[in-house]
Protein backbone atom coordinates (compact mmCIF):
# COMPACT_ATOMS: atom_id res chain seq x y z
CA MET A 1 -19.71 -14.47 9.89
CA ARG A 2 -21.15 -11.75 7.65
CA LEU A 3 -18.36 -9.23 7.13
CA ILE A 4 -18.36 -5.78 5.57
CA SER A 5 -15.20 -3.84 4.72
CA ILE A 6 -15.41 -0.09 4.21
CA CYS A 7 -11.87 0.61 2.97
CA PRO A 8 -9.63 -1.19 0.44
CA SER A 9 -6.82 -2.17 2.82
CA ASN A 10 -9.29 -3.90 5.15
CA THR A 11 -10.77 -5.82 2.21
CA GLU A 12 -7.27 -6.98 1.33
CA LEU A 13 -6.52 -8.04 4.91
CA ALA A 14 -9.73 -10.09 4.93
CA ALA A 15 -8.75 -11.72 1.65
CA TYR A 16 -5.32 -12.76 2.95
CA LEU A 17 -7.07 -14.46 5.84
CA GLY A 18 -9.33 -16.42 3.49
CA LEU A 19 -12.43 -14.43 4.41
CA THR A 20 -13.51 -13.30 0.94
CA SER A 21 -16.50 -15.64 1.00
CA SER A 22 -17.63 -14.04 4.27
CA LEU A 23 -17.71 -10.54 2.79
CA VAL A 24 -21.23 -9.32 1.96
CA GLY A 25 -20.35 -5.75 0.95
CA VAL A 26 -17.35 -3.48 0.34
CA ASP A 27 -16.55 0.16 -0.38
CA ASN A 28 -16.33 1.43 -3.98
CA TYR A 29 -12.53 1.51 -4.08
CA SER A 30 -11.88 -2.10 -3.06
CA ASP A 31 -10.50 -3.77 -6.19
CA TRP A 32 -8.64 -6.87 -4.97
CA PRO A 33 -9.04 -9.81 -5.08
CA GLU A 34 -10.97 -10.43 -8.27
CA ASP A 35 -13.78 -12.38 -6.62
CA ILE A 36 -15.04 -9.35 -4.67
CA GLN A 37 -16.06 -7.58 -7.87
CA THR A 38 -19.64 -8.85 -7.69
CA LEU A 39 -20.25 -7.75 -4.09
CA PRO A 40 -22.61 -4.87 -3.25
CA ARG A 41 -20.82 -1.51 -3.32
CA LEU A 42 -21.44 0.77 -0.38
CA GLY A 43 -19.97 4.08 -1.55
CA SER A 44 -16.57 5.71 -1.25
CA ASP A 45 -14.60 5.11 1.92
CA LEU A 46 -15.35 8.70 3.01
CA SER A 47 -19.05 8.49 2.22
CA ILE A 48 -20.39 5.05 3.06
CA ASP A 49 -24.12 4.46 2.55
CA MET A 50 -25.06 3.33 6.04
CA ASP A 51 -28.60 2.42 5.00
CA LYS A 52 -27.11 -0.22 2.70
CA VAL A 53 -24.75 -1.38 5.45
CA GLU A 54 -27.66 -1.81 7.83
CA GLU A 55 -29.73 -3.70 5.24
CA LEU A 56 -26.91 -6.23 4.82
CA GLN A 57 -27.09 -7.09 8.55
CA PRO A 58 -23.36 -7.61 9.10
CA ASP A 59 -21.97 -9.45 12.10
CA LEU A 60 -18.94 -7.16 11.90
CA VAL A 61 -17.82 -4.11 9.93
CA LEU A 62 -14.09 -3.64 9.37
CA ALA A 63 -13.70 0.12 9.66
CA SER A 64 -10.70 2.42 9.54
CA LEU A 65 -9.49 5.89 10.47
CA SER A 66 -6.60 5.93 8.00
CA VAL A 67 -7.95 8.93 6.06
CA PRO A 68 -9.29 12.18 7.57
CA GLY A 69 -13.07 12.21 7.27
CA MET A 70 -13.60 8.54 8.11
CA GLU A 71 -14.72 9.63 11.57
CA ARG A 72 -18.20 10.18 10.11
CA ASN A 73 -18.44 6.46 9.31
CA ILE A 74 -17.57 5.54 12.89
CA GLU A 75 -20.12 7.98 14.31
CA GLU A 76 -22.86 6.55 12.10
CA LEU A 77 -21.99 2.94 12.91
CA GLU A 78 -22.18 3.77 16.61
CA LYS A 79 -25.49 5.61 16.21
CA ARG A 80 -27.06 2.64 14.44
CA ASN A 81 -25.57 0.03 16.82
CA ILE A 82 -23.90 -1.79 13.93
CA PRO A 83 -21.08 -4.01 15.27
CA PHE A 84 -17.68 -2.82 14.08
CA VAL A 85 -13.97 -2.70 14.85
CA ILE A 86 -11.48 -0.02 13.83
CA VAL A 87 -8.47 -1.68 12.22
CA PRO A 88 -5.38 0.18 13.53
CA ASN A 89 -3.85 2.66 11.09
CA PRO A 90 -0.35 1.34 10.28
CA LYS A 91 2.49 3.76 9.61
CA THR A 92 5.29 1.19 9.24
CA LEU A 93 5.75 -2.21 7.62
CA THR A 94 5.90 -3.75 11.10
CA GLU A 95 2.52 -2.26 11.94
CA VAL A 96 1.07 -3.52 8.64
CA GLY A 97 2.13 -7.00 9.71
CA GLU A 98 0.52 -6.51 13.11
CA SER A 99 -2.76 -5.56 11.42
CA ILE A 100 -2.89 -9.13 10.06
CA LEU A 101 -2.92 -10.37 13.65
CA PHE A 102 -5.56 -7.84 14.67
CA VAL A 103 -8.00 -8.82 11.93
CA GLY A 104 -7.25 -12.48 12.57
CA GLU A 105 -8.20 -12.08 16.22
CA VAL A 106 -11.50 -10.26 15.60
CA THR A 107 -12.55 -12.72 12.87
CA ASN A 108 -11.56 -15.97 14.63
CA THR A 109 -8.81 -16.72 12.09
CA PHE A 110 -5.91 -16.11 14.45
CA GLU A 111 -3.94 -19.28 13.65
CA LYS A 112 -3.88 -18.44 9.95
CA ALA A 113 -3.05 -14.83 10.80
CA ARG A 114 -0.11 -15.95 12.91
CA ARG A 115 1.29 -18.10 10.07
CA LEU A 116 0.94 -15.22 7.61
CA PHE A 117 2.53 -12.81 10.09
CA LYS A 118 5.58 -15.06 10.45
CA LYS A 119 5.96 -15.42 6.69
CA TYR A 120 5.48 -11.68 6.21
CA ASN A 121 8.35 -11.01 8.61
CA ARG A 122 10.58 -13.66 7.00
CA ILE A 123 10.19 -11.91 3.66
CA ILE A 124 11.14 -8.56 5.16
CA GLU A 125 14.16 -10.15 6.87
CA LYS A 126 15.23 -11.67 3.54
CA PHE A 127 15.11 -8.25 1.87
CA GLN A 128 17.05 -6.75 4.78
CA SER A 129 19.74 -9.35 4.16
CA LEU A 130 19.81 -8.71 0.41
CA SER A 131 20.00 -4.95 0.95
CA GLN A 132 23.31 -5.45 2.81
CA GLN A 133 24.87 -6.32 -0.55
CA ILE A 134 24.18 -2.83 -1.91
CA GLN A 135 27.25 -0.65 -1.57
CA LYS A 136 25.70 2.49 -3.06
CA PRO A 137 21.93 2.86 -2.59
CA VAL A 138 19.96 4.24 -5.54
CA THR A 139 18.38 7.61 -4.74
CA LEU A 140 14.64 7.49 -5.23
CA TYR A 141 11.87 10.08 -5.48
CA TRP A 142 8.29 8.95 -4.88
CA GLU A 143 5.45 11.17 -6.05
CA TRP A 144 2.02 10.38 -4.72
CA TRP A 145 0.26 13.60 -5.61
CA ALA A 146 0.95 16.10 -8.38
CA LYS A 147 -0.85 19.39 -7.59
CA PRO A 148 0.39 20.32 -5.06
CA ILE A 149 3.28 17.86 -5.01
CA PHE A 150 3.32 15.44 -2.09
CA THR A 151 6.02 12.86 -1.41
CA PRO A 152 6.68 10.53 1.54
CA GLY A 153 9.09 11.58 4.26
CA SER A 154 10.96 9.47 6.79
CA ALA A 155 7.91 8.40 8.84
CA ASN A 156 6.46 6.40 5.97
CA TRP A 157 6.59 2.79 4.84
CA LEU A 158 7.84 3.89 1.40
CA THR A 159 11.06 5.06 3.02
CA GLU A 160 11.37 1.60 4.59
CA ILE A 161 10.59 -0.06 1.27
CA SER A 162 13.25 2.11 -0.40
CA LYS A 163 15.91 0.89 2.03
CA LEU A 164 14.86 -2.75 1.79
CA ALA A 165 15.06 -2.47 -2.02
CA GLY A 166 18.60 -1.07 -1.97
CA GLY A 167 17.53 2.53 -2.39
CA ARG A 168 17.25 5.77 -0.44
CA ASN A 169 14.24 8.06 -0.39
CA VAL A 170 15.61 11.52 -1.30
CA PHE A 171 13.16 13.03 1.23
CA GLU A 172 14.09 10.73 4.11
CA ASP A 173 15.57 13.78 5.87
CA MET A 174 12.04 15.16 6.33
CA ALA A 175 10.39 13.87 9.51
CA GLN A 176 6.80 13.88 8.26
CA SER A 177 5.03 10.90 6.77
CA SER A 178 3.88 13.11 3.87
CA VAL A 179 5.86 16.12 2.64
CA LYS A 180 4.43 19.00 0.61
CA THR A 181 7.13 20.28 -1.73
CA ASP A 182 7.68 21.77 -5.19
CA TRP A 183 9.33 20.59 -8.38
CA GLU A 184 12.30 22.95 -8.04
CA GLU A 185 13.26 21.20 -4.79
CA ILE A 186 13.05 17.79 -6.46
CA VAL A 187 15.19 18.94 -9.40
CA GLN A 188 17.81 20.10 -6.89
CA ARG A 189 17.78 16.77 -5.09
CA ASN A 190 18.26 15.08 -8.48
CA PRO A 191 17.17 11.48 -7.77
CA ASP A 192 18.47 8.50 -9.74
CA VAL A 193 14.93 7.12 -10.09
CA ILE A 194 11.47 8.72 -10.18
CA SER A 195 8.49 6.56 -9.15
CA VAL A 196 5.00 7.95 -9.66
CA ILE A 197 2.10 6.50 -7.65
CA TRP A 198 -0.69 9.05 -7.49
CA VAL A 199 -3.07 8.04 -4.70
CA GLY A 200 -6.37 6.71 -6.01
CA VAL A 201 -5.32 7.02 -9.68
CA GLN A 202 -4.92 3.94 -11.85
CA LYS A 203 -1.53 3.54 -13.49
CA GLU A 204 -3.08 3.67 -16.96
CA LYS A 205 -4.49 7.13 -16.25
CA VAL A 206 -1.16 8.70 -15.29
CA ASN A 207 0.39 10.54 -18.22
CA PRO A 208 4.21 10.74 -17.89
CA LYS A 209 4.13 13.94 -19.98
CA VAL A 210 2.81 15.69 -16.86
CA ILE A 211 6.20 15.00 -15.27
CA LEU A 212 8.34 15.48 -18.38
CA LYS A 213 7.06 18.97 -19.18
CA ARG A 214 7.96 20.39 -15.77
CA PRO A 215 10.78 22.98 -15.86
CA GLY A 216 14.28 21.57 -15.41
CA THR A 217 13.20 17.95 -15.76
CA GLU A 218 15.44 17.38 -18.78
CA HIS A 219 18.54 18.02 -16.61
CA MET A 220 17.71 15.34 -14.04
CA ASP A 221 19.69 12.09 -13.94
CA ALA A 222 16.53 9.98 -13.69
CA ILE A 223 15.17 11.45 -16.93
CA LYS A 224 18.48 11.38 -18.79
CA ASN A 225 18.87 7.70 -17.87
CA ASN A 226 15.24 6.79 -18.64
CA GLU A 227 14.49 5.93 -15.00
CA LEU A 228 10.95 7.33 -14.74
CA TYR A 229 8.42 4.68 -13.69
CA ILE A 230 4.65 4.84 -13.42
CA LEU A 231 3.81 2.14 -10.89
CA ASP A 232 0.67 0.43 -9.57
CA GLU A 233 -0.61 2.65 -6.79
CA PRO A 234 -2.38 -0.16 -4.83
CA LEU A 235 0.97 -1.91 -4.29
CA PHE A 236 2.54 1.11 -2.60
CA CYS A 237 -0.12 3.38 -1.08
CA ARG A 238 -2.39 1.10 0.96
CA PRO A 239 -1.56 -0.22 4.45
CA SER A 240 -2.00 -3.86 3.50
CA PRO A 241 0.31 -6.85 3.03
CA ARG A 242 0.23 -6.17 -0.73
CA LEU A 243 3.01 -3.70 0.04
CA LEU A 244 5.28 -6.75 -0.22
CA LEU A 245 4.39 -6.99 -3.91
CA GLY A 246 5.40 -3.35 -4.22
CA LEU A 247 8.68 -4.17 -2.49
CA PHE A 248 9.36 -6.98 -4.96
CA LYS A 249 8.53 -4.63 -7.83
CA ILE A 250 10.76 -1.69 -6.91
CA ALA A 251 13.64 -3.92 -5.78
CA SER A 252 13.65 -5.71 -9.13
CA ILE A 253 13.79 -2.31 -10.85
CA LEU A 254 16.61 -0.88 -8.74
CA HIS A 255 18.83 -3.97 -8.49
CA PRO A 256 17.64 -6.72 -10.86
CA THR A 257 20.76 -8.85 -10.38
CA ILE A 258 20.46 -8.97 -6.58
CA TYR A 259 16.74 -9.21 -5.88
CA PRO A 260 14.26 -11.83 -7.14
CA PRO A 261 12.31 -10.98 -10.30
CA PHE A 262 8.89 -9.45 -9.88
CA ASN A 263 5.91 -11.56 -10.95
CA GLU A 264 2.53 -9.88 -10.52
CA ASN A 265 0.87 -13.29 -10.56
CA LYS A 266 2.85 -14.58 -7.58
CA ASP A 267 1.94 -13.03 -4.27
CA PRO A 268 4.84 -13.78 -1.90
CA LEU A 269 2.51 -14.35 1.04
CA LEU A 270 0.09 -16.64 -0.78
CA ASP A 271 2.27 -18.43 -3.30
CA GLU A 272 4.26 -21.34 -1.89
CA GLU A 273 6.49 -21.43 -4.97
CA VAL A 274 8.30 -18.16 -4.39
CA GLU A 275 11.69 -19.80 -4.88
CA PHE A 276 13.97 -17.44 -2.99
CA LEU A 277 12.11 -18.20 0.23
CA LEU A 278 12.61 -21.94 -0.01
């Protein structure tokens, strides 16, 4: 099967299912796993070059509607009669797991998808169990855009990840999946930990001075206790099973004596040697 993925999370789902060798083209932002780096690039996920897609003669395009504007890709695929499926847009960790099953079904890898799905859920259940040991959750502020400031609300997997990691999203009282706010409000909420994951921006390009120079920052507990973290955006902002790596990462930061250590070279879904699961 000749597969094309036109958004990063779909590329990652294909990789978990062992379909990397079937991929013949990906969008510009797909960056994992390493062996997709040599594949033809088809443009940004909001501006896919459909002439290139057509030239590659795919058996199936893994499309998405996770970002406003992707509708244009769907319209063009339909117009050109290019075979495609729209991978459902997950909003929760449960739905991310279900997307494994969906891609497994449309790519004839359902048995592998089912095994991964079961392991995915076992990992979440393990973290749920560990989180019961936390008597006082750490309050946590996530920033995924700086100007204007956006942060996840309750209807977002980062609020789930916060709870599983023994924390509490300080904006969990806001019903939206994404909350537009201002720095004064964040200073008032005074989180224990600040985690910065600007969407689409590599960790190395995020300058913590942007945060530190904001008014009132010096009075916040997170800053006084040196609890400002610039984290890897792909592990927290994409609806793919790599969110489990993000969960391992933030849990090891918040409660290092309770949760397993984070190892970026050990993917909990792919590595059979993740000891705490044995």
